[in-house]
């Protein structure tokens, strides 16, 4: 499956050292760290991305339901010291009122940005 949604291969994900000092790596389960990194490959400058669960499952080499659980668990995760989330998930409806897709926002507490 191609990595649809990535704008260009010239964009890099930057991990800030402060995220390590905040306790993120110590607190975050490795499967959630991998999920966060997979989501980050799709994010724009605002930290927003909208890959499908199938795309994330492909990157993680897991089945779609497992990717969905990982994403839900990641969205529920909070840093112990601050209570900050690292990911927001917002369902977007189309004009008919049905869900079209989910927009994920990777937050600053994750330590990940693009450049």
PDB file of N, CA and C in Angstrom:
ATOM      1  N   UNK A   1       0.852  -1.177   0.000  1.00  0.00           N
ATOM      2  CA  UNK A   1       0.000   0.000   0.000  1.00  0.00           C
ATOM      3  C   UNK A   1       0.895   1.236   0.000  1.00  0.00           C
ATOM      4  N   UNK A   2       0.698   2.185  -0.934  1.00  0.00           N
ATOM      5  CA  UNK A   2       1.503   3.393  -0.966  1.00  0.00           C
ATOM      6  C   UNK A   2       1.186   4.304   0.206  1.00  0.00           C
ATOM      7  N   UNK A   3       2.115   5.159   0.537  1.00  0.00           N
ATOM      8  CA  UNK A   3       1.957   6.085   1.652  1.00  0.00           C
ATOM      9  C   UNK A   3       1.222   7.329   1.187  1.00  0.00           C
ATOM     10  N   UNK A   4      -0.011   7.199   0.821  1.00  0.00           N
ATOM     11  CA  UNK A   4      -0.807   8.335   0.378  1.00  0.00           C
ATOM     12  C   UNK A   4      -0.936   9.341   1.505  1.00  0.00           C
ATOM     13  N   UNK A   5      -0.946  10.610   1.162  1.00  0.00           N
ATOM     14  CA  UNK A   5      -1.119  11.646   2.159  1.00  0.00           C
ATOM     15  C   UNK A   5       0.179  12.342   2.507  1.00  0.00           C
ATOM     16  N   UNK A   6       1.319  11.710   2.245  1.00  0.00           N
ATOM     17  CA  UNK A   6       2.590  12.386   2.478  1.00  0.00           C
ATOM     18  C   UNK A   6       2.777  13.379   1.347  1.00  0.00           C
ATOM     19  N   UNK A   7       3.101  14.597   1.705  1.00  0.00           N
ATOM     20  CA  UNK A   7       3.194  15.651   0.711  1.00  0.00           C
ATOM     21  C   UNK A   7       4.449  15.495  -0.151  1.00  0.00           C
ATOM     22  N   UNK A   8       5.585  15.218   0.457  1.00  0.00           N
ATOM     23  CA  UNK A   8       6.827  15.075  -0.275  1.00  0.00           C
ATOM     24  C   UNK A   8       7.820  14.305   0.586  1.00  0.00           C
ATOM     25  N   UNK A   9       8.782  13.691  -0.046  1.00  0.00           N
ATOM     26  CA  UNK A   9       9.791  12.978   0.727  1.00  0.00           C
ATOM     27  C   UNK A   9      10.852  13.923   1.277  1.00  0.00           C
ATOM     28  N   UNK A  10      10.756  15.222   0.965  1.00  0.00           N
ATOM     29  CA  UNK A  10      11.715  16.216   1.461  1.00  0.00           C
ATOM     30  C   UNK A  10      11.321  16.792   2.811  1.00  0.00           C
ATOM     31  N   UNK A  11      10.273  16.272   3.423  1.00  0.00           N
ATOM     32  CA  UNK A  11       9.849  16.741   4.741  1.00  0.00           C
ATOM     33  C   UNK A  11      10.371  15.758   5.779  1.00  0.00           C
ATOM     34  N   UNK A  12      10.889  16.299   6.872  1.00  0.00           N
ATOM     35  CA  UNK A  12      11.456  15.484   7.926  1.00  0.00           C
ATOM     36  C   UNK A  12      10.687  15.699   9.217  1.00  0.00           C
ATOM     37  N   UNK A  13      10.616  14.656  10.028  1.00  0.00           N
ATOM     38  CA  UNK A  13      10.004  14.761  11.349  1.00  0.00           C
ATOM     39  C   UNK A  13      11.125  15.002  12.343  1.00  0.00           C
ATOM     40  N   UNK A  14      10.954  16.024  13.182  1.00  0.00           N
ATOM     41  CA  UNK A  14      11.952  16.384  14.187  1.00  0.00           C
ATOM     42  C   UNK A  14      11.417  15.985  15.560  1.00  0.00           C
ATOM     43  N   UNK A  15      12.278  15.357  16.358  1.00  0.00           N
ATOM     44  CA  UNK A  15      11.925  14.973  17.717  1.00  0.00           C
ATOM     45  C   UNK A  15      12.709  15.864  18.670  1.00  0.00           C
ATOM     46  N   UNK A  16      12.007  16.578  19.518  1.00  0.00           N
ATOM     47  CA  UNK A  16      12.630  17.510  20.446  1.00  0.00           C
ATOM     48  C   UNK A  16      13.066  16.798  21.722  1.00  0.00           C
ATOM     49  N   UNK A  17      14.271  17.070  22.177  1.00  0.00           N
ATOM     50  CA  UNK A  17      14.840  16.435  23.356  1.00  0.00           C
ATOM     51  C   UNK A  17      13.982  16.695  24.598  1.00  0.00           C
ATOM     52  N   UNK A  18      13.317  17.828  24.654  1.00  0.00           N
ATOM     53  CA  UNK A  18      12.462  18.127  25.811  1.00  0.00           C
ATOM     54  C   UNK A  18      11.374  17.071  26.008  1.00  0.00           C
ATOM     55  N   UNK A  19      10.978  16.415  24.938  1.00  0.00           N
ATOM     56  CA  UNK A  19       9.967  15.361  25.067  1.00  0.00           C
ATOM     57  C   UNK A  19      10.514  14.185  25.868  1.00  0.00           C
ATOM     58  N   UNK A  20      11.791  13.905  25.728  1.00  0.00           N
ATOM     59  CA  UNK A  20      12.406  12.841  26.522  1.00  0.00           C
ATOM     60  C   UNK A  20      12.465  13.280  27.975  1.00  0.00           C
ATOM     61  N   UNK A  21      12.874  14.518  28.188  1.00  0.00           N
ATOM     62  CA  UNK A  21      12.986  15.032  29.553  1.00  0.00           C
ATOM     63  C   UNK A  21      11.629  15.125  30.248  1.00  0.00           C
ATOM     64  N   UNK A  22      10.567  15.273  29.487  1.00  0.00           N
ATOM     65  CA  UNK A  22       9.223  15.370  30.063  1.00  0.00           C
ATOM     66  C   UNK A  22       8.721  14.022  30.585  1.00  0.00           C
ATOM     67  N   UNK A  23       9.395  12.940  30.199  1.00  0.00           N
ATOM     68  CA  UNK A  23       8.980  11.602  30.610  1.00  0.00           C
ATOM     69  C   UNK A  23       8.195  10.862  29.551  1.00  0.00           C
ATOM     70  N   UNK A  24       8.005  11.474  28.386  1.00  0.00           N
ATOM     71  CA  UNK A  24       7.189  10.865  27.337  1.00  0.00           C
ATOM     72  C   UNK A  24       7.657   9.456  26.974  1.00  0.00           C
ATOM     73  N   UNK A  25       8.927   9.289  26.664  1.00  0.00           N
ATOM     74  CA  UNK A  25       9.401   7.967  26.244  1.00  0.00           C
ATOM     75  C   UNK A  25       9.316   6.942  27.361  1.00  0.00           C
ATOM     76  N   UNK A  26       9.518   7.367  28.577  1.00  0.00           N
ATOM     77  CA  UNK A  26       9.427   6.455  29.721  1.00  0.00           C
ATOM     78  C   UNK A  26       7.982   6.014  29.945  1.00  0.00           C
ATOM     79  N   UNK A  27       7.028   6.912  29.717  1.00  0.00           N
ATOM     80  CA  UNK A  27       5.619   6.635  30.002  1.00  0.00           C
ATOM     81  C   UNK A  27       4.871   5.985  28.844  1.00  0.00           C
ATOM     82  N   UNK A  28       5.281   6.263  27.632  1.00  0.00           N
ATOM     83  CA  UNK A  28       4.523   5.823  26.459  1.00  0.00           C
ATOM     84  C   UNK A  28       4.885   4.393  26.080  1.00  0.00           C
ATOM     85  N   UNK A  29       3.891   3.542  25.990  1.00  0.00           N
ATOM     86  CA  UNK A  29       4.060   2.158  25.565  1.00  0.00           C
ATOM     87  C   UNK A  29       4.716   2.143  24.168  1.00  0.00           C
ATOM     88  N   UNK A  30       5.643   1.228  23.897  1.00  0.00           N
ATOM     89  CA  UNK A  30       6.312   1.187  22.590  1.00  0.00           C
ATOM     90  C   UNK A  30       5.354   1.094  21.401  1.00  0.00           C
ATOM     91  N   UNK A  31       4.242   0.380  21.547  1.00  0.00           N
ATOM     92  CA  UNK A  31       3.309   0.286  20.412  1.00  0.00           C
ATOM     93  C   UNK A  31       2.665   1.645  20.142  1.00  0.00           C
ATOM     94  N   UNK A  32       2.466   2.454  21.202  1.00  0.00           N
ATOM     95  CA  UNK A  32       1.892   3.786  21.011  1.00  0.00           C
ATOM     96  C   UNK A  32       2.929   4.742  20.439  1.00  0.00           C
ATOM     97  N   UNK A  33       4.196   4.577  20.828  1.00  0.00           N
ATOM     98  CA  UNK A  33       5.261   5.389  20.252  1.00  0.00           C
ATOM     99  C   UNK A  33       5.351   5.115  18.740  1.00  0.00           C
ATOM    100  N   UNK A  34       5.286   3.837  18.359  1.00  0.00           N
ATOM    101  CA  UNK A  34       5.336   3.479  16.941  1.00  0.00           C
ATOM    102  C   UNK A  34       4.134   4.071  16.198  1.00  0.00           C
ATOM    103  N   UNK A  35       2.970   4.043  16.829  1.00  0.00           N
ATOM    104  CA  UNK A  35       1.762   4.609  16.214  1.00  0.00           C
ATOM    105  C   UNK A  35       1.907   6.111  16.045  1.00  0.00           C
ATOM    106  N   UNK A  36       2.425   6.783  17.058  1.00  0.00           N
ATOM    107  CA  UNK A  36       2.644   8.233  16.978  1.00  0.00           C
ATOM    108  C   UNK A  36       3.603   8.555  15.842  1.00  0.00           C
ATOM    109  N   UNK A  37       4.677   7.815  15.732  1.00  0.00           N
ATOM    110  CA  UNK A  37       5.639   8.044  14.648  1.00  0.00           C
ATOM    111  C   UNK A  37       5.014   7.792  13.274  1.00  0.00           C
ATOM    112  N   UNK A  38       4.190   6.758  13.170  1.00  0.00           N
ATOM    113  CA  UNK A  38       3.512   6.475  11.894  1.00  0.00           C
ATOM    114  C   UNK A  38       2.576   7.621  11.527  1.00  0.00           C
ATOM    115  N   UNK A  39       1.803   8.113  12.486  1.00  0.00           N
ATOM    116  CA  UNK A  39       0.926   9.253  12.229  1.00  0.00           C
ATOM    117  C   UNK A  39       1.729  10.484  11.819  1.00  0.00           C
ATOM    118  N   UNK A  40       2.874  10.680  12.465  1.00  0.00           N
ATOM    119  CA  UNK A  40       3.699  11.855  12.199  1.00  0.00           C
ATOM    120  C   UNK A  40       4.200  11.901  10.762  1.00  0.00           C
ATOM    121  N   UNK A  41       4.320  10.750  10.111  1.00  0.00           N
ATOM    122  CA  UNK A  41       4.782  10.758   8.717  1.00  0.00           C
ATOM    123  C   UNK A  41       3.756  11.405   7.784  1.00  0.00           C
ATOM    124  N   UNK A  42       2.546  11.607   8.264  1.00  0.00           N
ATOM    125  CA  UNK A  42       1.493  12.222   7.462  1.00  0.00           C
ATOM    126  C   UNK A  42       1.175  13.665   7.875  1.00  0.00           C
ATOM    127  N   UNK A  43       1.763  14.168   8.961  1.00  0.00           N
ATOM    128  CA  UNK A  43       1.328  15.458   9.490  1.00  0.00           C
ATOM    129  C   UNK A  43       1.825  16.641   8.657  1.00  0.00           C
ATOM    130  N   UNK A  44       1.041  17.712   8.735  1.00  0.00           N
ATOM    131  CA  UNK A  44       1.422  18.961   8.080  1.00  0.00           C
ATOM    132  C   UNK A  44       2.075  19.884   9.112  1.00  0.00           C
ATOM    133  N   UNK A  45       2.338  21.112   8.739  1.00  0.00           N
ATOM    134  CA  UNK A  45       3.032  22.058   9.627  1.00  0.00           C
ATOM    135  C   UNK A  45       2.243  22.365  10.892  1.00  0.00           C
ATOM    136  N   UNK A  46       0.925  22.181  10.861  1.00  0.00           N
ATOM    137  CA  UNK A  46       0.101  22.417  12.051  1.00  0.00           C
ATOM    138  C   UNK A  46      -0.028  21.160  12.910  1.00  0.00           C
ATOM    139  N   UNK A  47       0.602  20.078  12.491  1.00  0.00           N
ATOM    140  CA  UNK A  47       0.513  18.823  13.232  1.00  0.00           C
ATOM    141  C   UNK A  47      -0.708  18.013  12.850  1.00  0.00           C
ATOM    142  N   UNK A  48      -1.460  18.450  11.839  1.00  0.00           N
ATOM    143  CA  UNK A  48      -2.681  17.746  11.438  1.00  0.00           C
ATOM    144  C   UNK A  48      -2.380  16.712  10.364  1.00  0.00           C
ATOM    145  N   UNK A  49      -3.111  15.599  10.438  1.00  0.00           N
ATOM    146  CA  UNK A  49      -2.999  14.562   9.424  1.00  0.00           C
ATOM    147  C   UNK A  49      -4.301  13.774   9.383  1.00  0.00           C
ATOM    148  N   UNK A  50      -4.530  13.073   8.322  1.00  0.00           N
ATOM    149  CA  UNK A  50      -5.773  12.319   8.177  1.00  0.00           C
ATOM    150  C   UNK A  50      -5.559  11.008   7.420  1.00  0.00           C
ATOM    151  N   UNK A  51      -4.551  10.234   7.819  1.00  0.00           N
ATOM    152  CA  UNK A  51      -4.395   8.925   7.179  1.00  0.00           C
ATOM    153  C   UNK A  51      -5.522   7.990   7.607  1.00  0.00           C
ATOM    154  N   UNK A  52      -5.762   6.997   6.799  1.00  0.00           N
ATOM    155  CA  UNK A  52      -6.751   5.991   7.168  1.00  0.00           C
ATOM    156  C   UNK A  52      -6.130   5.014   8.164  1.00  0.00           C
ATOM    157  N   UNK A  53      -6.973   4.295   8.865  1.00  0.00           N
ATOM    158  CA  UNK A  53      -6.465   3.258   9.760  1.00  0.00           C
ATOM    159  C   UNK A  53      -5.744   2.176   8.965  1.00  0.00           C
ATOM    160  N   UNK A  54      -6.177   1.939   7.740  1.00  0.00           N
ATOM    161  CA  UNK A  54      -5.507   0.952   6.892  1.00  0.00           C
ATOM    162  C   UNK A  54      -4.079   1.389   6.590  1.00  0.00           C
ATOM    163  N   UNK A  55      -3.876   2.684   6.350  1.00  0.00           N
ATOM    164  CA  UNK A  55      -2.532   3.183   6.077  1.00  0.00           C
ATOM    165  C   UNK A  55      -1.631   3.036   7.308  1.00  0.00           C
ATOM    166  N   UNK A  56      -2.173   3.354   8.471  1.00  0.00           N
ATOM    167  CA  UNK A  56      -1.384   3.215   9.699  1.00  0.00           C
ATOM    168  C   UNK A  56      -1.103   1.733   9.970  1.00  0.00           C
ATOM    169  N   UNK A  57      -2.097   0.891   9.759  1.00  0.00           N
ATOM    170  CA  UNK A  57      -1.908  -0.556   9.948  1.00  0.00           C
ATOM    171  C   UNK A  57      -0.794  -1.082   9.046  1.00  0.00           C
ATOM    172  N   UNK A  58      -0.765  -0.621   7.814  1.00  0.00           N
ATOM    173  CA  UNK A  58       0.276  -1.039   6.877  1.00  0.00           C
ATOM    174  C   UNK A  58       1.660  -0.647   7.386  1.00  0.00           C
ATOM    175  N   UNK A  59       1.805   0.604   7.848  1.00  0.00           N
ATOM    176  CA  UNK A  59       3.097   1.075   8.341  1.00  0.00           C
ATOM    177  C   UNK A  59       3.556   0.307   9.579  1.00  0.00           C
ATOM    178  N   UNK A  60       2.597  -0.089  10.428  1.00  0.00           N
ATOM    179  CA  UNK A  60       2.918  -0.787  11.671  1.00  0.00           C
ATOM    180  C   UNK A  60       2.958  -2.306  11.502  1.00  0.00           C
ATOM    181  N   UNK A  61       2.554  -2.780  10.318  1.00  0.00           N
ATOM    182  CA  UNK A  61       2.483  -4.217  10.040  1.00  0.00           C
ATOM    183  C   UNK A  61       1.541  -4.922  11.020  1.00  0.00           C
ATOM    184  N   UNK A  62       0.364  -4.312  11.199  1.00  0.00           N
ATOM    185  CA  UNK A  62      -0.690  -4.877  12.049  1.00  0.00           C
ATOM    186  C   UNK A  62      -1.998  -4.858  11.278  1.00  0.00           C
ATOM    187  N   UNK A  63      -3.006  -5.473  11.811  1.00  0.00           N
ATOM    188  CA  UNK A  63      -4.344  -5.433  11.197  1.00  0.00           C
ATOM    189  C   UNK A  63      -5.024  -4.115  11.538  1.00  0.00           C
ATOM    190  N   UNK A  64      -5.998  -3.695  10.708  1.00  0.00           N
ATOM    191  CA  UNK A  64      -6.675  -2.420  10.881  1.00  0.00           C
ATOM    192  C   UNK A  64      -7.293  -2.253  12.273  1.00  0.00           C
ATOM    193  N   UNK A  65      -7.974  -3.274  12.828  1.00  0.00           N
ATOM    194  CA  UNK A  65      -8.528  -3.091  14.177  1.00  0.00           C
ATOM    195  C   UNK A  65      -7.457  -2.790  15.227  1.00  0.00           C
ATOM    196  N   UNK A  66      -6.282  -3.392  15.069  1.00  0.00           N
ATOM    197  CA  UNK A  66      -5.182  -3.131  16.004  1.00  0.00           C
ATOM    198  C   UNK A  66      -4.698  -1.698  15.852  1.00  0.00           C
ATOM    199  N   UNK A  67      -4.575  -1.227  14.632  1.00  0.00           N
ATOM    200  CA  UNK A  67      -4.178   0.170  14.401  1.00  0.00           C
ATOM    201  C   UNK A  67      -5.201   1.111  15.027  1.00  0.00           C
ATOM    202  N   UNK A  68      -6.486   0.803  14.861  1.00  0.00           N
ATOM    203  CA  UNK A  68      -7.542   1.633  15.445  1.00  0.00           C
ATOM    204  C   UNK A  68      -7.452   1.671  16.965  1.00  0.00           C
ATOM    205  N   UNK A  69      -7.189   0.532  17.581  1.00  0.00           N
ATOM    206  CA  UNK A  69      -7.044   0.483  19.046  1.00  0.00           C
ATOM    207  C   UNK A  69      -5.830   1.288  19.485  1.00  0.00           C
ATOM    208  N   UNK A  70      -4.726   1.147  18.761  1.00  0.00           N
ATOM    209  CA  UNK A  70      -3.524   1.906  19.092  1.00  0.00           C
ATOM    210  C   UNK A  70      -3.794   3.409  19.028  1.00  0.00           C
ATOM    211  N   UNK A  71      -4.494   3.844  17.998  1.00  0.00           N
ATOM    212  CA  UNK A  71      -4.803   5.268  17.844  1.00  0.00           C
ATOM    213  C   UNK A  71      -5.709   5.741  18.979  1.00  0.00           C
ATOM    214  N   UNK A  72      -6.726   4.952  19.317  1.00  0.00           N
ATOM    215  CA  UNK A  72      -7.617   5.332  20.434  1.00  0.00           C
ATOM    216  C   UNK A  72      -6.841   5.412  21.753  1.00  0.00           C
ATOM    217  N   UNK A  73      -5.973   4.427  21.987  1.00  0.00           N
ATOM    218  CA  UNK A  73      -5.166   4.426  23.207  1.00  0.00           C
ATOM    219  C   UNK A  73      -4.211   5.627  23.234  1.00  0.00           C
ATOM    220  N   UNK A  74      -3.641   5.959  22.090  1.00  0.00           N
ATOM    221  CA  UNK A  74      -2.744   7.106  22.011  1.00  0.00           C
ATOM    222  C   UNK A  74      -3.501   8.404  22.287  1.00  0.00           C
ATOM    223  N   UNK A  75      -4.710   8.528  21.752  1.00  0.00           N
ATOM    224  CA  UNK A  75      -5.526   9.733  21.992  1.00  0.00           C
ATOM    225  C   UNK A  75      -5.927   9.839  23.463  1.00  0.00           C
ATOM    226  N   UNK A  76      -6.038   8.720  24.155  1.00  0.00           N
ATOM    227  CA  UNK A  76      -6.410   8.723  25.581  1.00  0.00           C
ATOM    228  C   UNK A  76      -5.208   8.951  26.499  1.00  0.00           C
ATOM    229  N   UNK A  77      -4.002   8.772  25.989  1.00  0.00           N
ATOM    230  CA  UNK A  77      -2.789   8.907  26.788  1.00  0.00           C
ATOM    231  C   UNK A  77      -2.595  10.352  27.258  1.00  0.00           C
ATOM    232  N   UNK A  78      -2.160  10.508  28.491  1.00  0.00           N
ATOM    233  CA  UNK A  78      -1.819  11.823  29.060  1.00  0.00           C
ATOM    234  C   UNK A  78      -0.486  11.702  29.787  1.00  0.00           C
ATOM    235  N   UNK A  79       0.365  12.713  29.660  1.00  0.00           N
ATOM    236  CA  UNK A  79       1.610  12.747  30.423  1.00  0.00           C
ATOM    237  C   UNK A  79       1.278  12.829  31.901  1.00  0.00           C
ATOM    238  N   UNK A  80       1.930  12.029  32.711  1.00  0.00           N
ATOM    239  CA  UNK A  80       1.632  12.004  34.148  1.00  0.00           C
ATOM    240  C   UNK A  80       1.917  13.340  34.819  1.00  0.00           C
ATOM    241  N   UNK A  81       3.025  13.976  34.471  1.00  0.00           N
ATOM    242  CA  UNK A  81       3.436  15.213  35.148  1.00  0.00           C
ATOM    243  C   UNK A  81       2.513  16.388  34.849  1.00  0.00           C
ATOM    244  N   UNK A  82       1.992  16.460  33.623  1.00  0.00           N
ATOM    245  CA  UNK A  82       1.231  17.647  33.214  1.00  0.00           C
ATOM    246  C   UNK A  82      -0.220  17.354  32.842  1.00  0.00           C
ATOM    247  N   UNK A  83      -0.522  16.095  32.563  1.00  0.00           N
ATOM    248  CA  UNK A  83      -1.865  15.752  32.104  1.00  0.00           C
ATOM    249  C   UNK A  83      -2.102  16.095  30.639  1.00  0.00           C
ATOM    250  N   UNK A  84      -1.054  16.491  29.931  1.00  0.00           N
ATOM    251  CA  UNK A  84      -1.197  16.893  28.528  1.00  0.00           C
ATOM    252  C   UNK A  84      -1.359  15.684  27.607  1.00  0.00           C
ATOM    253  N   UNK A  85      -2.242  15.794  26.623  1.00  0.00           N
ATOM    254  CA  UNK A  85      -2.341  14.750  25.595  1.00  0.00           C
ATOM    255  C   UNK A  85      -1.255  14.959  24.542  1.00  0.00           C
ATOM    256  N   UNK A  86      -0.966  13.919  23.782  1.00  0.00           N
ATOM    257  CA  UNK A  86      -0.028  14.039  22.669  1.00  0.00           C
ATOM    258  C   UNK A  86      -0.749  14.006  21.329  1.00  0.00           C
ATOM    259  N   UNK A  87      -2.019  13.569  21.340  1.00  0.00           N
ATOM    260  CA  UNK A  87      -2.781  13.430  20.105  1.00  0.00           C
ATOM    261  C   UNK A  87      -4.246  13.764  20.341  1.00  0.00           C
ATOM    262  N   UNK A  88      -4.808  14.532  19.436  1.00  0.00           N
ATOM    263  CA  UNK A  88      -6.253  14.762  19.423  1.00  0.00           C
ATOM    264  C   UNK A  88      -6.813  14.097  18.172  1.00  0.00           C
ATOM    265  N   UNK A  89      -7.982  13.499  18.295  1.00  0.00           N
ATOM    266  CA  UNK A  89      -8.668  12.888  17.154  1.00  0.00           C
ATOM    267  C   UNK A  89     -10.032  13.545  17.036  1.00  0.00           C
ATOM    268  N   UNK A  90     -10.309  14.091  15.846  1.00  0.00           N
ATOM    269  CA  UNK A  90     -11.573  14.795  15.616  1.00  0.00           C
ATOM    270  C   UNK A  90     -12.252  14.201  14.389  1.00  0.00           C
ATOM    271  N   UNK A  91     -13.457  13.672  14.594  1.00  0.00           N
ATOM    272  CA  UNK A  91     -14.213  13.111  13.470  1.00  0.00           C
ATOM    273  C   UNK A  91     -14.854  14.252  12.685  1.00  0.00           C
ATOM    274  N   UNK A  92     -14.746  14.177  11.365  1.00  0.00           N
ATOM    275  CA  UNK A  92     -15.275  15.206  10.477  1.00  0.00           C
ATOM    276  C   UNK A  92     -16.472  14.623   9.738  1.00  0.00           C
ATOM    277  N   UNK A  93     -17.549  15.383   9.740  1.00  0.00           N
ATOM    278  CA  UNK A  93     -18.755  14.948   9.021  1.00  0.00           C
ATOM    279  C   UNK A  93     -18.823  15.614   7.649  1.00  0.00           C
ATOM    280  N   UNK A  94     -19.425  14.912   6.708  1.00  0.00           N
ATOM    281  CA  UNK A  94     -19.650  15.518   5.398  1.00  0.00           C
ATOM    282  C   UNK A  94     -20.969  16.276   5.402  1.00  0.00           C
ATOM    283  N   UNK A  95     -21.386  16.793   4.268  1.00  0.00           N
ATOM    284  CA  UNK A  95     -22.624  17.586   4.180  1.00  0.00           C
ATOM    285  C   UNK A  95     -23.875  16.783   4.506  1.00  0.00           C
ATOM    286  N   UNK A  96     -23.813  15.466   4.378  1.00  0.00           N
ATOM    287  CA  UNK A  96     -24.954  14.612   4.696  1.00  0.00           C
ATOM    288  C   UNK A  96     -25.033  14.275   6.176  1.00  0.00           C
ATOM    289  N   UNK A  97     -24.025  14.698   6.947  1.00  0.00           N
ATOM    290  CA  UNK A  97     -24.017  14.432   8.381  1.00  0.00           C
ATOM    291  C   UNK A  97     -23.365  13.130   8.775  1.00  0.00           C
ATOM    292  N   UNK A  98     -22.876  12.360   7.797  1.00  0.00           N
ATOM    293  CA  UNK A  98     -22.187  11.120   8.134  1.00  0.00           C
ATOM    294  C   UNK A  98     -20.688  11.400   8.284  1.00  0.00           C
ATOM    295  N   UNK A  99     -20.025  10.541   9.044  1.00  0.00           N
ATOM    296  CA  UNK A  99     -18.600  10.740   9.251  1.00  0.00           C
ATOM    297  C   UNK A  99     -17.837  10.491   7.958  1.00  0.00           C
ATOM    298  N   UNK A 100     -16.987  11.432   7.611  1.00  0.00           N
ATOM    299  CA  UNK A 100     -16.184  11.323   6.401  1.00  0.00           C
ATOM    300  C   UNK A 100     -14.804  10.766   6.715  1.00  0.00           C
ATOM    301  N   UNK A 101     -14.161  11.336   7.708  1.00  0.00           N
ATOM    302  CA  UNK A 101     -12.843  10.859   8.113  1.00  0.00           C
ATOM    303  C   UNK A 101     -12.511  11.401   9.503  1.00  0.00           C
ATOM    304  N   UNK A 102     -11.350  11.027   9.995  1.00  0.00           N
ATOM    305  CA  UNK A 102     -10.871  11.535  11.273  1.00  0.00           C
ATOM    306  C   UNK A 102      -9.617  12.345  11.018  1.00  0.00           C
ATOM    307  N   UNK A 103      -9.590  13.536  11.604  1.00  0.00           N
ATOM    308  CA  UNK A 103      -8.403  14.380  11.528  1.00  0.00           C
ATOM    309  C   UNK A 103      -7.673  14.241  12.856  1.00  0.00           C
ATOM    310  N   UNK A 104      -6.410  13.900  12.781  1.00  0.00           N
ATOM    311  CA  UNK A 104      -5.573  13.748  13.964  1.00  0.00           C
ATOM    312  C   UNK A 104      -4.679  14.978  14.071  1.00  0.00           C
ATOM    313  N   UNK A 105      -4.501  15.464  15.286  1.00  0.00           N
ATOM    314  CA  UNK A 105      -3.567  16.561  15.520  1.00  0.00           C
ATOM    315  C   UNK A 105      -2.518  16.081  16.505  1.00  0.00           C
ATOM    316  N   UNK A 106      -1.284  16.086  16.058  1.00  0.00           N
ATOM    317  CA  UNK A 106      -0.161  15.716  16.908  1.00  0.00           C
ATOM    318  C   UNK A 106       0.246  16.974  17.654  1.00  0.00           C
ATOM    319  N   UNK A 107       0.145  16.914  18.966  1.00  0.00           N
ATOM    320  CA  UNK A 107       0.327  18.094  19.811  1.00  0.00           C
ATOM    321  C   UNK A 107       1.789  18.276  20.240  1.00  0.00           C
ATOM    322  N   UNK A 108       2.096  19.464  20.731  1.00  0.00           N
ATOM    323  CA  UNK A 108       3.476  19.800  21.101  1.00  0.00           C
ATOM    324  C   UNK A 108       4.022  18.889  22.197  1.00  0.00           C
ATOM    325  N   UNK A 109       3.176  18.365  23.061  1.00  0.00           N
ATOM    326  CA  UNK A 109       3.645  17.464  24.127  1.00  0.00           C
ATOM    327  C   UNK A 109       4.294  16.208  23.553  1.00  0.00           C
ATOM    328  N   UNK A 110       4.018  15.895  22.300  1.00  0.00           N
ATOM    329  CA  UNK A 110       4.620  14.714  21.659  1.00  0.00           C
ATOM    330  C   UNK A 110       6.087  14.931  21.353  1.00  0.00           C
ATOM    331  N   UNK A 111       6.497  16.182  21.256  1.00  0.00           N
ATOM    332  CA  UNK A 111       7.877  16.481  20.881  1.00  0.00           C
ATOM    333  C   UNK A 111       8.151  16.358  19.410  1.00  0.00           C
ATOM    334  N   UNK A 112       7.140  16.089  18.599  1.00  0.00           N
ATOM    335  CA  UNK A 112       7.323  15.899  17.163  1.00  0.00           C
ATOM    336  C   UNK A 112       6.829  17.110  16.379  1.00  0.00           C
ATOM    337  N   UNK A 113       7.639  17.551  15.443  1.00  0.00           N
ATOM    338  CA  UNK A 113       7.253  18.603  14.500  1.00  0.00           C
ATOM    339  C   UNK A 113       7.839  18.229  13.146  1.00  0.00           C
ATOM    340  N   UNK A 114       7.421  18.923  12.115  1.00  0.00           N
ATOM    341  CA  UNK A 114       8.038  18.700  10.806  1.00  0.00           C
ATOM    342  C   UNK A 114       8.857  19.921  10.438  1.00  0.00           C
ATOM    343  N   UNK A 115       9.819  19.707   9.558  1.00  0.00           N
ATOM    344  CA  UNK A 115      10.604  20.822   9.024  1.00  0.00           C
ATOM    345  C   UNK A 115      11.079  20.461   7.635  1.00  0.00           C
TER     346      UNK A 115
END
